[in-house]
Protein backbone atom coordinates (compact mmCIF):
# COMPACT_ATOMS: atom_id res chain seq x y z
CA UNK A 1 0.00 0.00 0.00
CA UNK A 2 1.00 3.60 -0.48
CA UNK A 3 -0.16 6.96 0.84
CA UNK A 4 0.05 10.56 -0.32
CA UNK A 5 1.52 12.76 2.40
CA UNK A 6 2.35 16.42 2.89
CA UNK A 7 5.88 17.02 4.10
CA UNK A 8 6.45 20.19 6.14
CA UNK A 9 9.97 21.53 6.48
CA UNK A 10 11.09 23.70 9.39
CA UNK A 11 14.10 25.86 10.24
CA UNK A 12 17.33 24.62 8.62
CA UNK A 13 15.49 22.03 6.51
CA UNK A 14 13.72 24.89 4.67
CA UNK A 15 17.12 26.33 3.69
CA UNK A 16 18.41 22.95 2.55
CA UNK A 17 15.36 21.99 0.46
CA UNK A 18 14.22 25.44 -0.66
CA UNK A 19 10.71 24.36 0.31
CA UNK A 20 8.38 24.87 3.24
CA UNK A 21 6.02 22.14 2.12
CA UNK A 22 5.60 19.53 -0.59
CA UNK A 23 3.24 16.71 -1.38
CA UNK A 24 4.72 13.28 -2.00
CA UNK A 25 2.59 10.63 -3.66
CA UNK A 26 2.96 6.89 -3.33
CA UNK A 27 4.93 6.69 -0.09
CA UNK A 28 5.08 3.02 0.96
CA UNK A 29 3.16 2.24 4.14
CA UNK A 30 3.78 0.98 6.71
CA UNK A 31 7.29 2.44 6.66
CA UNK A 32 10.08 2.72 9.22
CA UNK A 33 11.28 6.10 10.37
CA UNK A 34 14.65 5.33 8.80
CA UNK A 35 13.15 4.44 5.42
CA UNK A 36 11.01 7.58 5.50
CA UNK A 37 14.15 9.65 6.16
CA UNK A 38 15.96 7.87 3.30
CA UNK A 39 13.06 8.67 0.97
CA UNK A 40 13.38 12.36 1.87
CA UNK A 41 17.16 12.19 1.38
CA UNK A 42 16.67 10.81 -2.13
CA UNK A 43 14.51 13.83 -2.96
CA UNK A 44 16.75 16.34 -1.15
CA UNK A 45 20.33 15.06 -0.71
CA UNK A 46 21.36 18.25 1.14
CA UNK A 47 19.20 17.13 4.07
CA UNK A 48 22.05 14.75 4.88
CA UNK A 49 23.67 17.73 6.64
CA UNK A 50 21.04 17.20 9.37
CA UNK A 51 21.72 13.46 9.71
CA UNK A 52 21.65 12.43 13.36
CA UNK A 53 20.12 15.74 14.47
CA UNK A 54 16.72 15.82 12.84
CA UNK A 55 13.50 14.27 14.08
CA UNK A 56 10.41 13.43 12.08
CA UNK A 57 6.84 13.85 13.23
CA UNK A 58 3.81 12.13 11.74
CA UNK A 59 0.41 13.45 12.77
CA UNK A 60 2.26 15.57 15.36
CA UNK A 61 3.80 12.49 16.99
CA UNK A 62 7.58 12.16 16.96
CA UNK A 63 8.95 9.22 15.00
CA UNK A 64 12.49 8.05 15.66
CA UNK A 65 14.75 7.72 12.62
CA UNK A 66 15.25 4.04 13.19
CA UNK A 67 13.24 0.83 13.16
CA UNK A 68 10.04 2.33 14.57
CA UNK A 69 7.31 1.65 12.00
CA UNK A 70 4.56 4.10 11.23
CA UNK A 71 1.45 3.54 9.14
CA UNK A 72 0.78 6.50 6.87
CA UNK A 73 -2.65 7.51 5.63
CA UNK A 74 -3.53 9.72 2.69
CA UNK A 75 -3.31 13.34 3.74
CA UNK A 76 -0.98 12.76 6.69
CA UNK A 77 1.47 15.50 7.56
CA UNK A 78 5.11 14.54 7.99
CA UNK A 79 7.21 17.23 9.62
CA UNK A 80 10.99 17.48 9.34
CA UNK A 81 12.13 19.14 12.54
CA UNK A 82 15.83 20.00 12.76
CA UNK A 83 17.40 21.07 16.04
CA UNK A 84 16.23 24.51 17.04
CA UNK A 85 19.00 26.97 17.71
CA UNK A 86 18.81 28.17 21.27
CA UNK A 87 19.86 31.45 22.78
């Protein structure tokens, strides 16, 4: 099965992709956090600069970039949340 999702980019990920949001069709589901990250890296290789720092959120729930599996539904929002710079 696949799902169409909206990917929202925040902070540094906006600079690296040049996008604040994009729709991606035919994302395999269920999918692991790691495979979801790899899919985004294929589309935007510069995101690799955030490797090990970024977290993903699906339906406003954090998803570890690892073996955690998430089931995506059409219309789901996937957020790419890089570390926020503190002051």
